[in-house]
Amino acid sequence: MQHLFSFTREKSLQNRILSIPVSEIRPNPHQPRTAFHDNELRQLSDSIRQNGILQPLSVRKCMDEYELIAGERRLRAAKLAGLSHVPCVCIDVGDRNSAVLALVENIQRQDLHFFDEAAAIEKLITLYGMTQEDAALQLGKAQSTIANKLRLLRLTPDERDMIQENHLTERHARALLRLSSPSDRKKVISAILSQHMNVDRTERMIDEILGKTRERDNFRKRSVLFRDVRLFINTIHKAVETMQAAGIPAAAQKMQFDDYIEYRVRIPLIEPEKQ
């Protein structure tokens, strides 16, 4: 009977607004947001002191405590405001859906940093075996959008930190992905910060770098080709010299033009009469 009562009580807690002690709520291990600005938290804390928490937090029951699903900023601000209890909705979900709900809640607020969003999507895919299509369906986004978000993680952690700390846009980050060289990316980021470059100027600078890279690559290819051509030319000279040493009066004439070299080799088929 005790077990049945406990089960019935747990079920009755689901989807009801409860007043839960903040000390009994543990953080969500899948919280996608990594940056919480002190000034914004203080402002929210002041609002909570004046008006209370207008939107309940979402939690799930885990053993003898609760795990936060959504509402990390509200919980932190409530602690700053000195609240001992916060209003919560208890939801019956597993680990996977808890992670999805935490990400969806932050995305819907539209102030989640794009790197945090990309990292959370990658975590959903790797930790729970989702495909990009699965993640797109769960988050209500196009598969191409998910793929583009994940591409942002190709930037190094240092590059991501510089972009995030200096409030550069997602379009800046996407533009940098066109450069395969870390040194080139660092050069562009430095220029963006020192010259306050918008995305259009950034794109033009990257176009110039890529153009110079192509010219450098073409020059290297021409150098390799010219080196190979010289080997063939030397082979022709040696062949003519070998014929001359054997008594065959062969002769070679070289004519060089702008875009090609022409060689004419004359080999007599009849031995000249001796005087």
Protein backbone atom coordinates (compact mmCIF):
# COMPACT_ATOMS: atom_id res chain seq x y z
CA MET A 1 0.00 0.00 0.00
CA GLN A 2 2.87 2.36 0.86
CA HIS A 3 4.45 1.79 -2.57
CA LEU A 4 1.11 2.37 -4.31
CA PHE A 5 0.55 5.60 -2.37
CA SER A 6 4.05 6.83 -3.22
CA PHE A 7 3.52 6.08 -6.93
CA THR A 8 0.12 7.82 -6.91
CA ARG A 9 1.61 10.87 -5.18
CA GLU A 10 4.48 11.07 -7.69
CA LYS A 11 2.04 10.89 -10.60
CA SER A 12 -0.08 13.62 -9.02
CA LEU A 13 2.93 15.96 -8.98
CA GLN A 14 3.28 15.87 -12.76
CA ASN A 15 2.33 19.05 -14.65
CA ARG A 16 1.26 20.89 -11.48
CA ILE A 17 2.81 24.15 -10.32
CA LEU A 18 4.79 23.42 -7.15
CA SER A 19 6.74 25.65 -4.78
CA ILE A 20 10.11 23.90 -4.51
CA PRO A 21 13.08 24.88 -2.28
CA VAL A 22 15.97 26.17 -4.43
CA SER A 23 18.30 23.93 -2.40
CA GLU A 24 16.53 20.84 -3.79
CA ILE A 25 16.97 21.79 -7.47
CA ARG A 26 20.13 20.60 -9.16
CA PRO A 27 21.41 22.03 -12.48
CA ASN A 28 20.63 20.41 -15.82
CA PRO A 29 23.79 18.61 -17.04
CA HIS A 30 22.61 19.31 -20.59
CA GLN A 31 22.21 23.08 -20.11
CA PRO A 32 23.29 24.51 -23.48
CA ARG A 33 23.95 28.04 -22.23
CA THR A 34 27.55 28.57 -21.07
CA ALA A 35 27.52 32.35 -20.53
CA PHE A 36 25.36 34.11 -17.94
CA HIS A 37 26.01 37.85 -17.86
CA ASP A 38 26.11 39.30 -14.35
CA ASN A 39 24.40 42.56 -15.34
CA GLU A 40 21.48 40.74 -16.97
CA LEU A 41 21.12 38.43 -13.95
CA ARG A 42 21.06 41.43 -11.60
CA GLN A 43 18.36 43.09 -13.70
CA LEU A 44 16.29 39.90 -13.70
CA SER A 45 16.88 39.54 -9.96
CA ASP A 46 15.59 43.08 -9.35
CA SER A 47 12.50 42.29 -11.45
CA ILE A 48 11.87 39.09 -9.46
CA ARG A 49 12.07 41.01 -6.18
CA GLN A 50 9.44 43.41 -7.47
CA ASN A 51 7.14 41.09 -9.39
CA GLY A 52 8.07 37.53 -8.49
CA ILE A 53 8.74 34.78 -11.06
CA LEU A 54 6.09 35.14 -13.75
CA GLN A 55 6.94 31.93 -15.63
CA PRO A 56 7.49 28.75 -13.58
CA LEU A 57 10.67 26.73 -13.99
CA SER A 58 10.49 23.26 -15.54
CA VAL A 59 11.91 20.39 -13.48
CA ARG A 60 11.78 16.62 -13.31
CA LYS A 61 11.86 14.40 -10.22
CA CYS A 62 15.15 12.57 -9.66
CA MET A 63 15.30 10.46 -6.52
CA ASP A 64 14.99 12.81 -3.53
CA GLU A 65 15.54 16.05 -5.46
CA TYR A 66 14.60 17.80 -8.66
CA GLU A 67 16.63 18.34 -11.82
CA LEU A 68 16.16 21.57 -13.72
CA ILE A 69 14.97 21.23 -17.31
CA ALA A 70 14.48 24.88 -18.24
CA GLY A 71 14.87 28.14 -16.34
CA GLU A 72 18.54 28.34 -15.37
CA ARG A 73 18.62 32.15 -15.56
CA ARG A 74 15.45 32.45 -13.50
CA LEU A 75 16.85 30.07 -10.87
CA ARG A 76 20.13 31.98 -10.59
CA ALA A 77 18.32 35.32 -10.42
CA ALA A 78 15.96 33.95 -7.76
CA LYS A 79 18.95 32.95 -5.63
CA LEU A 80 20.39 36.47 -6.06
CA ALA A 81 17.04 37.89 -4.98
CA GLY A 82 17.18 35.76 -1.83
CA LEU A 83 14.20 33.51 -2.64
CA SER A 84 14.09 30.22 -0.75
CA HIS A 85 11.39 28.65 -2.97
CA VAL A 86 10.57 28.97 -6.67
CA PRO A 87 7.45 27.97 -8.66
CA CYS A 88 8.05 24.94 -10.85
CA VAL A 89 6.21 22.62 -13.21
CA CYS A 90 7.26 19.00 -12.70
CA ILE A 91 7.44 17.11 -16.00
CA ASP A 92 7.84 13.36 -16.45
CA VAL A 93 10.60 13.02 -19.06
CA GLY A 94 13.75 10.94 -19.57
CA ASP A 95 17.33 12.08 -20.07
CA ARG A 96 17.01 12.50 -23.84
CA ASN A 97 13.82 14.56 -23.78
CA SER A 98 15.17 16.64 -20.89
CA ALA A 99 18.18 17.59 -23.04
CA VAL A 100 15.95 18.37 -26.02
CA LEU A 101 13.57 20.51 -23.94
CA ALA A 102 16.46 22.44 -22.40
CA LEU A 103 17.82 23.24 -25.85
CA VAL A 104 14.42 24.11 -27.32
CA GLU A 105 13.60 26.43 -24.41
CA ASN A 106 16.86 28.33 -24.89
CA ILE A 107 16.52 28.51 -28.68
CA GLN A 108 12.99 29.87 -28.39
CA ARG A 109 14.31 32.72 -26.25
CA GLN A 110 16.59 33.61 -29.22
CA ASP A 111 19.45 34.89 -27.04
CA LEU A 112 21.37 31.63 -26.92
CA HIS A 113 24.81 32.15 -28.46
CA PHE A 114 25.21 30.38 -31.78
CA PHE A 115 28.28 28.45 -30.59
CA ASP A 116 26.38 27.21 -27.52
CA GLU A 117 23.52 26.20 -29.80
CA ALA A 118 25.87 24.33 -32.14
CA ALA A 119 27.59 22.55 -29.24
CA ALA A 120 24.22 21.52 -27.75
CA ILE A 121 23.05 20.14 -31.11
CA GLU A 122 26.29 18.18 -31.46
CA LYS A 123 25.77 16.80 -27.95
CA LEU A 124 22.24 15.67 -28.80
CA ILE A 125 23.55 13.88 -31.88
CA THR A 126 26.57 12.22 -30.28
CA LEU A 127 25.15 11.45 -26.82
CA TYR A 128 21.77 10.14 -27.91
CA GLY A 129 22.60 8.74 -31.33
CA MET A 130 20.47 11.19 -33.26
CA THR A 131 20.97 11.92 -36.93
CA GLN A 132 20.98 15.48 -38.22
CA GLU A 133 17.48 14.80 -39.56
CA ASP A 134 16.32 13.65 -36.09
CA ALA A 135 17.74 16.78 -34.45
CA ALA A 136 16.14 18.98 -37.10
CA LEU A 137 12.75 17.36 -36.49
CA GLN A 138 13.04 17.68 -32.70
CA LEU A 139 14.11 21.35 -32.88
CA GLY A 140 11.75 22.38 -35.66
CA LYS A 141 14.55 23.42 -38.02
CA ALA A 142 15.61 22.48 -41.54
CA GLN A 143 18.32 19.81 -41.83
CA SER A 144 20.51 22.26 -43.77
CA THR A 145 20.25 24.70 -40.85
CA ILE A 146 21.44 22.01 -38.44
CA ALA A 147 24.35 21.15 -40.77
CA ASN A 148 25.38 24.82 -41.00
CA LYS A 149 25.23 25.18 -37.22
CA LEU A 150 27.49 22.15 -36.75
CA ARG A 151 30.01 23.52 -39.27
CA LEU A 152 30.68 26.41 -36.86
CA LEU A 153 32.40 23.94 -34.53
CA ARG A 154 35.20 23.53 -37.11
CA LEU A 155 36.62 26.79 -35.79
CA THR A 156 39.17 26.24 -33.03
CA PRO A 157 38.19 26.86 -29.38
CA ASP A 158 40.46 29.94 -29.31
CA GLU A 159 38.81 31.34 -32.44
CA ARG A 160 35.36 30.72 -30.97
CA ASP A 161 36.34 32.46 -27.73
CA MET A 162 37.59 35.53 -29.63
CA ILE A 163 34.41 35.68 -31.71
CA GLN A 164 32.16 35.29 -28.68
CA GLU A 165 34.07 37.67 -26.39
CA ASN A 166 34.07 40.39 -29.05
CA HIS A 167 30.40 39.91 -29.99
CA LEU A 168 31.06 39.07 -33.65
CA THR A 169 28.11 37.72 -35.61
CA GLU A 170 27.35 34.25 -36.86
CA ARG A 171 27.87 35.55 -40.41
CA HIS A 172 31.42 36.58 -39.45
CA ALA A 173 32.03 33.05 -38.18
CA ARG A 174 30.61 31.48 -41.34
CA ALA A 175 32.82 33.69 -43.50
CA LEU A 176 35.92 32.57 -41.58
CA LEU A 177 35.09 28.94 -42.34
CA ARG A 178 36.04 29.61 -45.97
CA LEU A 179 39.69 29.83 -44.86
CA SER A 180 41.43 26.53 -44.20
CA SER A 181 44.56 28.12 -42.72
CA PRO A 182 44.42 28.95 -38.97
CA SER A 183 46.98 31.72 -39.52
CA ASP A 184 44.76 33.30 -42.21
CA ARG A 185 41.73 33.10 -39.91
CA LYS A 186 43.69 34.73 -37.09
CA LYS A 187 44.79 37.50 -39.46
CA VAL A 188 41.19 38.18 -40.51
CA ILE A 189 39.86 38.14 -36.94
CA SER A 190 42.52 40.66 -35.92
CA ALA A 191 41.54 42.88 -38.86
CA ILE A 192 37.84 42.61 -37.98
CA LEU A 193 38.52 43.73 -34.42
CA SER A 194 41.02 46.50 -35.20
CA GLN A 195 39.13 47.94 -38.17
CA HIS A 196 35.58 47.22 -36.95
CA MET A 197 34.88 45.36 -40.19
CA ASN A 198 31.32 44.39 -41.06
CA VAL A 199 30.53 41.12 -42.81
CA ASP A 200 30.79 42.56 -46.34
CA ARG A 201 34.29 43.93 -45.73
CA THR A 202 35.25 40.66 -44.08
CA GLU A 203 34.08 38.71 -47.13
CA ARG A 204 36.11 40.99 -49.45
CA MET A 205 39.24 40.50 -47.37
CA ILE A 206 38.75 36.73 -47.44
CA ASP A 207 38.23 36.87 -51.23
CA GLU A 208 41.59 38.67 -51.55
CA ILE A 209 43.33 36.09 -49.36
CA LEU A 210 41.81 33.21 -51.32
CA GLY A 211 42.78 34.89 -54.60
CA LYS A 212 46.40 35.27 -53.50
CA THR A 213 46.38 31.68 -52.28
CA ARG A 214 45.18 30.49 -55.71
CA GLU A 215 47.86 32.59 -57.43
CA ARG A 216 50.51 31.13 -55.12
CA ASP A 217 49.28 27.60 -55.80
CA ASN A 218 49.25 28.23 -59.55
CA PHE A 219 52.79 29.62 -59.38
CA ARG A 220 53.93 26.51 -57.55
CA LYS A 221 52.28 24.32 -60.16
CA ARG A 222 53.96 26.30 -62.96
CA SER A 223 57.32 25.99 -61.17
CA VAL A 224 56.93 22.23 -60.93
CA LEU A 225 55.87 22.05 -64.58
CA PHE A 226 58.82 24.22 -65.70
CA ARG A 227 61.20 22.01 -63.75
CA ASP A 228 59.79 18.96 -65.53
CA VAL A 229 60.03 20.70 -68.93
CA ARG A 230 63.70 21.44 -68.36
CA LEU A 231 64.29 17.75 -67.77
CA PHE A 232 62.70 16.95 -71.14
CA ILE A 233 64.77 19.66 -72.86
CA ASN A 234 67.99 18.26 -71.39
CA THR A 235 66.94 14.83 -72.63
CA ILE A 236 66.60 16.24 -76.18
CA HIS A 237 70.05 17.87 -75.98
CA LYS A 238 71.65 14.65 -74.77
CA ALA A 239 69.97 12.63 -77.52
CA VAL A 240 71.30 15.01 -80.20
CA GLU A 241 74.77 14.97 -78.65
CA THR A 242 74.74 11.15 -78.56
CA MET A 243 73.83 11.01 -82.28
CA GLN A 244 76.58 13.53 -83.12
CA ALA A 245 79.12 11.48 -81.15
CA ALA A 246 78.10 8.45 -83.22
CA GLY A 247 78.84 10.34 -86.46
CA ILE A 248 75.26 11.29 -87.28
CA PRO A 249 75.12 15.01 -88.12
CA ALA A 250 71.90 15.67 -86.18
CA ALA A 251 70.99 19.22 -85.30
CA ALA A 252 68.45 20.80 -82.96
CA GLN A 253 66.84 24.23 -83.15
CA LYS A 254 65.01 25.74 -80.17
CA MET A 255 62.34 28.45 -80.63
CA GLN A 256 60.67 29.94 -77.56
CA PHE A 257 57.32 31.72 -77.72
CA ASP A 258 55.16 33.37 -75.06
CA ASP A 259 53.13 30.29 -74.23
CA TYR A 260 55.19 27.39 -75.59
CA ILE A 261 58.63 26.16 -76.65
CA GLU A 262 59.17 24.57 -80.04
CA TYR A 263 62.07 22.23 -80.83
CA ARG A 264 63.05 21.11 -84.32
CA VAL A 265 65.42 18.19 -84.53
CA ARG A 266 67.00 17.45 -87.96
CA ILE A 267 68.33 13.93 -88.49
CA PRO A 268 69.74 13.12 -92.00
CA LEU A 269 68.53 9.77 -93.33
CA ILE A 270 71.44 9.52 -95.88
CA GLU A 271 75.05 9.68 -94.82
CA PRO A 272 76.78 12.69 -96.54
CA GLU A 273 79.37 11.84 -99.23
CA LYS A 274 82.96 12.20 -98.14
CA GLN A 275 85.00 14.72 -100.12
